Amino acid sequence: MPLIEVRNLTKVFPNGVIGLHEVSLQVGRGEFLAIIGLSGSGKSTLLRCLNRLVEPTSGQVLFAGQDVTHIRGRELRHYRRNIGMIFQQFNVIERRTVLENVLVGALGRVAVWRSVMGNFPGELVEEAIRNLEVVGLAEKARDRVRTLSGGQKQRVAIARALMQRPQALLADEPVASLDPATAHSVMRYLEEVNQRLGMTIVCSLHFLSLVRRYAGRVIALRGGRVAFEGPPGEITDERFRHIYGEEAQEVEIR
């Protein structure tokens, strides 16, 4: 049974724009899946439908065999704890420490008064440090986030997402605002999370060179439809032009 399954998923926005059109896919446990395509092809819409930030118009989203397409309230909160989310914008609290930012990911597991007072149980602090070790930032735990680089802030966001103890991690263009060297650094830590923790990763990316280096499988979207599905190595020049357009040229991120 796949961890995530999408069946004929369609999203039509109120202005009539079709974000997704009958998209179907499966994501296995422990898989590193990349989603590629032009801006506006439906990558972000798909990820937001998976974690229910966007309500699908029709179709189904299943997680571990359970239909989560229209769940609400407590069921939805429980489901979202199983789906960590990382965005292009780091969404960190600049004035707080790295450790405090990571502990925010555990808010669903502690009493409100503890989170307000910053009085987190010792075992959660230890867990946060372990997650910072996974992303190579344990030595920065007491530093203010505002002192970090963009790549380090994104790694804080990864550690924060791990505090949810999710079964899958969705990353929506997590390196789009980073320089090439920093992009590889962040991608290597996502790879570490995938391989060391066995966590399922679904990551939308612009650059095919990153997909070839880090993903085991790729799904390409064009105009809200699946244009390709398979190993990155099977994306030929002809398929690349079909996905990105006849005038497109591949850019290497080294």
C-alpha atoms as a PDB file:
ATOM      1  CA  MET A   1       0.000   0.000   0.000  1.00  0.00           C
ATOM      2  CA  PRO A   2       1.425   3.436  -0.914  1.00  0.00           C
ATOM      3  CA  LEU A   3       1.788   5.996   1.862  1.00  0.00           C
ATOM      4  CA  ILE A   4       0.188   8.715  -0.284  1.00  0.00           C
ATOM      5  CA  GLU A   5      -2.226   8.150  -3.141  1.00  0.00           C
ATOM      6  CA  VAL A   6      -3.920  10.763  -5.319  1.00  0.00           C
ATOM      7  CA  ARG A   7      -6.853   9.765  -7.501  1.00  0.00           C
ATOM      8  CA  ASN A   8      -8.109  12.004 -10.307  1.00  0.00           C
ATOM      9  CA  LEU A   9      -7.408  15.148  -8.299  1.00  0.00           C
ATOM     10  CA  THR A  10      -8.799  18.351  -9.771  1.00  0.00           C
ATOM     11  CA  LYS A  11      -8.621  21.895  -8.417  1.00  0.00           C
ATOM     12  CA  VAL A  12     -10.505  24.754 -10.040  1.00  0.00           C
ATOM     13  CA  PHE A  13      -9.996  28.123  -8.375  1.00  0.00           C
ATOM     14  CA  PRO A  14     -12.862  30.625  -7.918  1.00  0.00           C
ATOM     15  CA  ASN A  15     -11.583  32.711 -10.862  1.00  0.00           C
ATOM     16  CA  GLY A  16     -11.939  29.677 -13.128  1.00  0.00           C
ATOM     17  CA  VAL A  17      -8.229  28.856 -13.372  1.00  0.00           C
ATOM     18  CA  ILE A  18      -7.608  25.101 -13.403  1.00  0.00           C
ATOM     19  CA  GLY A  19      -4.740  24.362 -11.035  1.00  0.00           C
ATOM     20  CA  LEU A  20      -4.891  20.578 -11.364  1.00  0.00           C
ATOM     21  CA  HIS A  21      -6.761  18.378 -13.817  1.00  0.00           C
ATOM     22  CA  GLU A  22      -7.386  14.728 -12.923  1.00  0.00           C
ATOM     23  CA  VAL A  23      -3.932  14.137 -11.454  1.00  0.00           C
ATOM     24  CA  SER A  24      -3.266  10.618 -10.193  1.00  0.00           C
ATOM     25  CA  LEU A  25      -0.085   9.417  -8.476  1.00  0.00           C
ATOM     26  CA  GLN A  26       1.280   7.235  -5.713  1.00  0.00           C
ATOM     27  CA  VAL A  27       4.135   7.823  -3.274  1.00  0.00           C
ATOM     28  CA  GLY A  28       5.704   4.842  -1.550  1.00  0.00           C
ATOM     29  CA  ARG A  29       6.987   4.773   2.025  1.00  0.00           C
ATOM     30  CA  GLY A  30      10.573   5.995   2.209  1.00  0.00           C
ATOM     31  CA  GLU A  31      10.527   7.348  -1.336  1.00  0.00           C
ATOM     32  CA  PHE A  32      12.145  10.622  -2.460  1.00  0.00           C
ATOM     33  CA  LEU A  33       9.784  11.962  -5.116  1.00  0.00           C
ATOM     34  CA  ALA A  34      10.411  15.191  -7.022  1.00  0.00           C
ATOM     35  CA  ILE A  35       7.671  17.278  -8.627  1.00  0.00           C
ATOM     36  CA  ILE A  36       8.826  19.462 -11.516  1.00  0.00           C
ATOM     37  CA  GLY A  37       7.280  21.841 -14.025  1.00  0.00           C
ATOM     38  CA  LEU A  38       7.064  25.474 -15.022  1.00  0.00           C
ATOM     39  CA  SER A  39       5.768  28.123 -12.627  1.00  0.00           C
ATOM     40  CA  GLY A  40       1.993  27.777 -12.632  1.00  0.00           C
ATOM     41  CA  SER A  41       2.086  24.129 -13.679  1.00  0.00           C
ATOM     42  CA  GLY A  42       0.383  23.011 -10.456  1.00  0.00           C
ATOM     43  CA  LYS A  43       3.321  21.945  -8.251  1.00  0.00           C
ATOM     44  CA  SER A  44       2.442  24.091  -5.239  1.00  0.00           C
ATOM     45  CA  THR A  45      -1.274  23.440  -5.672  1.00  0.00           C
ATOM     46  CA  LEU A  46      -0.636  19.702  -5.589  1.00  0.00           C
ATOM     47  CA  LEU A  47       1.434  19.883  -2.403  1.00  0.00           C
ATOM     48  CA  ARG A  48      -1.119  22.136  -0.724  1.00  0.00           C
ATOM     49  CA  CYS A  49      -3.886  19.710  -1.659  1.00  0.00           C
ATOM     50  CA  LEU A  50      -1.865  16.887  -0.108  1.00  0.00           C
ATOM     51  CA  ASN A  51      -1.716  18.634   3.278  1.00  0.00           C
ATOM     52  CA  ARG A  52      -5.181  20.171   2.849  1.00  0.00           C
ATOM     53  CA  LEU A  53      -4.128  23.823   2.792  1.00  0.00           C
ATOM     54  CA  VAL A  54      -6.059  23.866  -0.492  1.00  0.00           C
ATOM     55  CA  GLU A  55      -9.418  22.138  -0.798  1.00  0.00           C
ATOM     56  CA  PRO A  56      -9.641  19.970  -3.948  1.00  0.00           C
ATOM     57  CA  THR A  57     -12.590  20.477  -6.267  1.00  0.00           C
ATOM     58  CA  SER A  58     -12.881  16.754  -6.980  1.00  0.00           C
ATOM     59  CA  GLY A  59     -10.885  13.554  -6.690  1.00  0.00           C
ATOM     60  CA  GLN A  60      -9.331  11.912  -3.648  1.00  0.00           C
ATOM     61  CA  VAL A  61      -6.267  12.130  -1.433  1.00  0.00           C
ATOM     62  CA  LEU A  62      -5.508   8.974   0.561  1.00  0.00           C
ATOM     63  CA  PHE A  63      -2.917   8.653   3.305  1.00  0.00           C
ATOM     64  CA  ALA A  64      -1.957   5.157   4.452  1.00  0.00           C
ATOM     65  CA  GLY A  65      -5.163   3.937   2.831  1.00  0.00           C
ATOM     66  CA  GLN A  66      -7.441   6.462   4.583  1.00  0.00           C
ATOM     67  CA  ASP A  67      -9.407   8.995   2.556  1.00  0.00           C
ATOM     68  CA  VAL A  68      -8.381  12.413   3.935  1.00  0.00           C
ATOM     69  CA  THR A  69      -9.866  14.533   1.144  1.00  0.00           C
ATOM     70  CA  HIS A  70     -12.589  16.171   3.207  1.00  0.00           C
ATOM     71  CA  ILE A  71     -11.705  15.514   6.850  1.00  0.00           C
ATOM     72  CA  ARG A  72     -12.200  18.375   9.319  1.00  0.00           C
ATOM     73  CA  GLY A  73     -11.429  19.402  12.891  1.00  0.00           C
ATOM     74  CA  ARG A  74      -9.547  16.951  15.075  1.00  0.00           C
ATOM     75  CA  GLU A  75      -9.100  14.459  12.236  1.00  0.00           C
ATOM     76  CA  LEU A  76      -7.476  17.116  10.051  1.00  0.00           C
ATOM     77  CA  ARG A  77      -5.173  18.296  12.870  1.00  0.00           C
ATOM     78  CA  HIS A  78      -4.080  14.718  13.496  1.00  0.00           C
ATOM     79  CA  TYR A  79      -3.475  14.150   9.790  1.00  0.00           C
ATOM     80  CA  ARG A  80      -1.372  17.302   9.445  1.00  0.00           C
ATOM     81  CA  ARG A  81       0.911  16.123  12.235  1.00  0.00           C
ATOM     82  CA  ASN A  82       1.777  13.227   9.909  1.00  0.00           C
ATOM     83  CA  ILE A  83       2.622  15.609   7.051  1.00  0.00           C
ATOM     84  CA  GLY A  84       5.485  18.023   7.692  1.00  0.00           C
ATOM     85  CA  MET A  85       5.658  21.051   5.387  1.00  0.00           C
ATOM     86  CA  ILE A  86       8.599  23.201   4.286  1.00  0.00           C
ATOM     87  CA  PHE A  87       8.075  26.325   2.197  1.00  0.00           C
ATOM     88  CA  GLN A  88      10.289  28.494   0.010  1.00  0.00           C
ATOM     89  CA  GLN A  89       9.957  31.226   2.645  1.00  0.00           C
ATOM     90  CA  PHE A  90      11.569  29.903   5.793  1.00  0.00           C
ATOM     91  CA  ASN A  91       8.783  31.153   8.126  1.00  0.00           C
ATOM     92  CA  VAL A  92      11.118  31.325  11.113  1.00  0.00           C
ATOM     93  CA  ILE A  93      10.878  33.696  14.088  1.00  0.00           C
ATOM     94  CA  GLU A  94      13.956  35.861  13.620  1.00  0.00           C
ATOM     95  CA  ARG A  95      14.222  37.158  17.206  1.00  0.00           C
ATOM     96  CA  ARG A  96      13.990  33.697  18.773  1.00  0.00           C
ATOM     97  CA  THR A  97      16.795  31.173  19.118  1.00  0.00           C
ATOM     98  CA  VAL A  98      17.286  28.252  16.777  1.00  0.00           C
ATOM     99  CA  LEU A  99      16.190  25.852  19.516  1.00  0.00           C
ATOM    100  CA  GLU A 100      13.032  27.834  20.273  1.00  0.00           C
ATOM    101  CA  ASN A 101      12.110  27.824  16.574  1.00  0.00           C
ATOM    102  CA  VAL A 102      12.546  24.064  16.349  1.00  0.00           C
ATOM    103  CA  LEU A 103      10.450  23.482  19.483  1.00  0.00           C
ATOM    104  CA  VAL A 104       7.553  25.300  17.799  1.00  0.00           C
ATOM    105  CA  GLY A 105       7.128  22.129  15.751  1.00  0.00           C
ATOM    106  CA  ALA A 106       6.082  20.277  18.905  1.00  0.00           C
ATOM    107  CA  LEU A 107       3.260  22.646  19.887  1.00  0.00           C
ATOM    108  CA  GLY A 108       0.640  20.028  19.141  1.00  0.00           C
ATOM    109  CA  ARG A 109       2.194  17.762  21.788  1.00  0.00           C
ATOM    110  CA  VAL A 110       2.489  20.152  24.767  1.00  0.00           C
ATOM    111  CA  ALA A 111       0.086  22.150  26.901  1.00  0.00           C
ATOM    112  CA  VAL A 112      -0.601  25.700  25.668  1.00  0.00           C
ATOM    113  CA  TRP A 113       0.736  27.266  28.886  1.00  0.00           C
ATOM    114  CA  ARG A 114       4.064  25.477  28.437  1.00  0.00           C
ATOM    115  CA  SER A 115       4.468  26.794  24.903  1.00  0.00           C
ATOM    116  CA  VAL A 116       3.525  30.347  25.949  1.00  0.00           C
ATOM    117  CA  MET A 117       6.032  30.300  28.826  1.00  0.00           C
ATOM    118  CA  GLY A 118       8.676  28.523  26.756  1.00  0.00           C
ATOM    119  CA  ASN A 119       8.662  25.782  29.392  1.00  0.00           C
ATOM    120  CA  PHE A 120       9.164  22.711  27.250  1.00  0.00           C
ATOM    121  CA  PRO A 121       9.795  19.285  28.841  1.00  0.00           C
ATOM    122  CA  GLY A 122      13.405  18.148  28.872  1.00  0.00           C
ATOM    123  CA  GLU A 123      12.713  15.210  26.587  1.00  0.00           C
ATOM    124  CA  LEU A 124      11.362  17.564  23.904  1.00  0.00           C
ATOM    125  CA  VAL A 125      14.438  19.779  24.176  1.00  0.00           C
ATOM    126  CA  GLU A 126      16.628  16.693  23.738  1.00  0.00           C
ATOM    127  CA  GLU A 127      14.553  15.657  20.717  1.00  0.00           C
ATOM    128  CA  ALA A 128      14.955  19.145  19.228  1.00  0.00           C
ATOM    129  CA  ILE A 129      18.737  18.938  19.657  1.00  0.00           C
ATOM    130  CA  ARG A 130      18.756  15.539  17.941  1.00  0.00           C
ATOM    131  CA  ASN A 131      16.812  16.975  15.018  1.00  0.00           C
ATOM    132  CA  LEU A 132      19.248  19.874  14.817  1.00  0.00           C
ATOM    133  CA  GLU A 133      22.039  17.299  14.656  1.00  0.00           C
ATOM    134  CA  VAL A 134      20.305  15.704  11.664  1.00  0.00           C
ATOM    135  CA  VAL A 135      20.516  19.033   9.784  1.00  0.00           C
ATOM    136  CA  GLY A 136      23.981  19.920  11.087  1.00  0.00           C
ATOM    137  CA  LEU A 137      22.968  22.838  13.314  1.00  0.00           C
ATOM    138  CA  ALA A 138      23.246  21.534  16.879  1.00  0.00           C
ATOM    139  CA  GLU A 139      26.073  23.962  17.647  1.00  0.00           C
ATOM    140  CA  LYS A 140      23.768  26.870  16.671  1.00  0.00           C
ATOM    141  CA  ALA A 141      20.960  25.878  19.065  1.00  0.00           C
ATOM    142  CA  ARG A 142      21.341  28.956  21.327  1.00  0.00           C
ATOM    143  CA  ASP A 143      21.984  31.444  18.500  1.00  0.00           C
ATOM    144  CA  ARG A 144      19.330  33.892  17.350  1.00  0.00           C
ATOM    145  CA  VAL A 145      17.861  32.874  14.014  1.00  0.00           C
ATOM    146  CA  ARG A 146      18.458  36.350  12.602  1.00  0.00           C
ATOM    147  CA  THR A 147      22.207  35.640  12.654  1.00  0.00           C
ATOM    148  CA  LEU A 148      21.870  32.646  10.301  1.00  0.00           C
ATOM    149  CA  SER A 149      22.249  32.421   6.534  1.00  0.00           C
ATOM    150  CA  GLY A 150      19.314  31.610   4.279  1.00  0.00           C
ATOM    151  CA  GLY A 151      20.373  27.991   3.920  1.00  0.00           C
ATOM    152  CA  GLN A 152      20.738  27.597   7.671  1.00  0.00           C
ATOM    153  CA  LYS A 153      17.257  29.062   8.213  1.00  0.00           C
ATOM    154  CA  GLN A 154      15.827  26.501   5.802  1.00  0.00           C
ATOM    155  CA  ARG A 155      17.587  23.748   7.758  1.00  0.00           C
ATOM    156  CA  VAL A 156      15.977  25.117  10.936  1.00  0.00           C
ATOM    157  CA  ALA A 157      12.626  24.773   9.146  1.00  0.00           C
ATOM    158  CA  ILE A 158      13.440  21.133   8.337  1.00  0.00           C
ATOM    159  CA  ALA A 159      14.329  20.393  11.977  1.00  0.00           C
ATOM    160  CA  ARG A 160      11.126  22.137  13.097  1.00  0.00           C
ATOM    161  CA  ALA A 161       9.063  19.962  10.740  1.00  0.00           C
ATOM    162  CA  LEU A 162      10.752  16.832  12.132  1.00  0.00           C
ATOM    163  CA  MET A 163       9.461  17.760  15.609  1.00  0.00           C
ATOM    164  CA  GLN A 164       5.990  16.802  14.394  1.00  0.00           C
ATOM    165  CA  ARG A 165       7.309  13.230  14.009  1.00  0.00           C
ATOM    166  CA  PRO A 166       5.715  13.118  10.548  1.00  0.00           C
ATOM    167  CA  GLN A 167       5.573  10.129   8.263  1.00  0.00           C
ATOM    168  CA  ALA A 168       6.139  12.335   5.211  1.00  0.00           C
ATOM    169  CA  LEU A 169       7.756  15.683   4.497  1.00  0.00           C
ATOM    170  CA  LEU A 170       6.453  17.986   1.767  1.00  0.00           C
ATOM    171  CA  ALA A 171       8.922  20.597   0.519  1.00  0.00           C
ATOM    172  CA  ASP A 172       7.540  23.334  -1.748  1.00  0.00           C
ATOM    173  CA  GLU A 173      10.483  24.686  -3.780  1.00  0.00           C
ATOM    174  CA  PRO A 174      12.686  24.740  -0.652  1.00  0.00           C
ATOM    175  CA  VAL A 175      15.820  25.970  -2.467  1.00  0.00           C
ATOM    176  CA  ALA A 176      14.289  28.410  -4.978  1.00  0.00           C
ATOM    177  CA  SER A 177      15.665  31.479  -3.161  1.00  0.00           C
ATOM    178  CA  LEU A 178      19.124  30.035  -2.443  1.00  0.00           C
ATOM    179  CA  ASP A 179      22.406  30.163  -4.353  1.00  0.00           C
ATOM    180  CA  PRO A 180      23.614  26.910  -5.994  1.00  0.00           C
ATOM    181  CA  ALA A 181      26.052  25.848  -3.248  1.00  0.00           C
ATOM    182  CA  THR A 182      23.517  26.511  -0.503  1.00  0.00           C
ATOM    183  CA  ALA A 183      20.798  24.763  -2.519  1.00  0.00           C
ATOM    184  CA  HIS A 184      22.906  21.603  -2.619  1.00  0.00           C
ATOM    185  CA  SER A 185      23.547  21.903   1.120  1.00  0.00           C
ATOM    186  CA  VAL A 186      19.817  21.999   1.913  1.00  0.00           C
ATOM    187  CA  MET A 187      19.071  19.191  -0.542  1.00  0.00           C
ATOM    188  CA  ARG A 188      21.772  17.006   1.041  1.00  0.00           C
ATOM    189  CA  TYR A 189      20.095  17.390   4.418  1.00  0.00           C
ATOM    190  CA  LEU A 190      16.718  16.450   2.921  1.00  0.00           C
ATOM    191  CA  GLU A 191      18.484  13.427   1.465  1.00  0.00           C
ATOM    192  CA  GLU A 192      19.865  12.678   4.938  1.00  0.00           C
ATOM    193  CA  VAL A 193      16.355  12.837   6.420  1.00  0.00           C
ATOM    194  CA  ASN A 194      15.147  10.483   3.706  1.00  0.00           C
ATOM    195  CA  GLN A 195      17.956   7.954   4.003  1.00  0.00           C
ATOM    196  CA  ARG A 196      18.798   8.122   7.718  1.00  0.00           C
ATOM    197  CA  LEU A 197      15.258   8.400   9.059  1.00  0.00           C
ATOM    198  CA  GLY A 198      13.523   6.569   6.205  1.00  0.00           C
ATOM    199  CA  MET A 199      11.111   9.465   5.820  1.00  0.00           C
ATOM    200  CA  THR A 200       9.058   9.929   2.673  1.00  0.00           C
ATOM    201  CA  ILE A 201       9.972  13.152   0.849  1.00  0.00           C
ATOM    202  CA  VAL A 202       7.863  14.899  -1.789  1.00  0.00           C
ATOM    203  CA  CYS A 203       9.774  17.914  -3.072  1.00  0.00           C
ATOM    204  CA  SER A 204       8.881  20.381  -5.812  1.00  0.00           C
ATOM    205  CA  LEU A 205      11.911  21.714  -7.689  1.00  0.00           C
ATOM    206  CA  HIS A 206      12.690  23.917 -10.672  1.00  0.00           C
ATOM    207  CA  PHE A 207      16.072  22.549 -11.680  1.00  0.00           C
ATOM    208  CA  LEU A 208      16.329  19.146 -13.298  1.00  0.00           C
ATOM    209  CA  SER A 209      19.990  18.789 -12.269  1.00  0.00           C
ATOM    210  CA  LEU A 210      18.907  18.765  -8.604  1.00  0.00           C
ATOM    211  CA  VAL A 211      16.211  16.215  -9.412  1.00  0.00           C
ATOM    212  CA  ARG A 212      18.716  13.934 -11.115  1.00  0.00           C
ATOM    213  CA  ARG A 213      21.073  14.161  -8.124  1.00  0.00           C
ATOM    214  CA  TYR A 214      18.639  13.660  -5.245  1.00  0.00           C
ATOM    215  CA  ALA A 215      15.310  12.146  -6.352  1.00  0.00           C
ATOM    216  CA  GLY A 216      14.548   8.499  -6.974  1.00  0.00           C
ATOM    217  CA  ARG A 217      11.507   9.271  -9.109  1.00  0.00           C
ATOM    218  CA  VAL A 218      10.032  12.350 -10.728  1.00  0.00           C
ATOM    219  CA  ILE A 219       6.578  13.506 -11.748  1.00  0.00           C
ATOM    220  CA  ALA A 220       6.341  16.414 -14.181  1.00  0.00           C
ATOM    221  CA  LEU A 221       3.293  18.656 -14.368  1.00  0.00           C
ATOM    222  CA  ARG A 222       2.306  20.811 -17.307  1.00  0.00           C
ATOM    223  CA  GLY A 223      -0.845  22.885 -17.241  1.00  0.00           C
ATOM    224  CA  GLY A 224      -2.072  21.006 -14.187  1.00  0.00           C
ATOM    225  CA  ARG A 225      -1.731  17.599 -15.854  1.00  0.00           C
ATOM    226  CA  VAL A 226       0.858  14.846 -15.431  1.00  0.00           C
ATOM    227  CA  ALA A 227       3.274  15.158 -18.370  1.00  0.00           C
ATOM    228  CA  PHE A 228       5.830  12.559 -17.246  1.00  0.00           C
ATOM    229  CA  GLU A 229       6.325   9.997 -14.495  1.00  0.00           C
ATOM    230  CA  GLY A 230       9.415   7.857 -14.027  1.00  0.00           C
ATOM    231  CA  PRO A 231      13.126   7.873 -13.115  1.00  0.00           C
ATOM    232  CA  PRO A 232      14.923  11.218 -13.639  1.00  0.00           C
ATOM    233  CA  GLY A 233      17.324   9.543 -16.061  1.00  0.00           C
ATOM    234  CA  GLU A 234      14.469   8.913 -18.499  1.00  0.00           C
ATOM    235  CA  ILE A 235      13.874  12.617 -19.076  1.00  0.00           C
ATOM    236  CA  THR A 236      15.374  12.992 -22.538  1.00  0.00           C
ATOM    237  CA  ASP A 237      15.860  16.302 -24.349  1.00  0.00           C
ATOM    238  CA  GLU A 238      12.565  15.685 -26.143  1.00  0.00           C
ATOM    239  CA  ARG A 239      10.706  15.048 -22.890  1.00  0.00           C
ATOM    240  CA  PHE A 240      12.376  18.095 -21.307  1.00  0.00           C
ATOM    241  CA  ARG A 241      11.013  20.311 -24.098  1.00  0.00           C
ATOM    242  CA  HIS A 242       7.582  18.712 -23.730  1.00  0.00           C
ATOM    243  CA  ILE A 243       7.574  19.585 -20.014  1.00  0.00           C
ATOM    244  CA  TYR A 244       9.126  23.052 -20.192  1.00  0.00           C
ATOM    245  CA  GLY A 245       8.417  24.231 -23.739  1.00  0.00           C
ATOM    246  CA  GLU A 246      10.241  24.140 -27.058  1.00  0.00           C
ATOM    247  CA  GLU A 247      12.433  27.154 -26.261  1.00  0.00           C
ATOM    248  CA  ALA A 248      13.507  25.957 -22.825  1.00  0.00           C
ATOM    249  CA  GLN A 249      17.125  25.141 -22.035  1.00  0.00           C
ATOM    250  CA  GLU A 250      18.271  23.103 -19.057  1.00  0.00           C
ATOM    251  CA  VAL A 251      20.295  25.012 -16.437  1.00  0.00           C
ATOM    252  CA  GLU A 252      22.797  23.058 -14.374  1.00  0.00           C
ATOM    253  CA  ILE A 253      23.025  23.702 -10.627  1.00  0.00           C
ATOM    254  CA  ARG A 254      26.540  22.609  -9.700  1.00  0.00           C
END
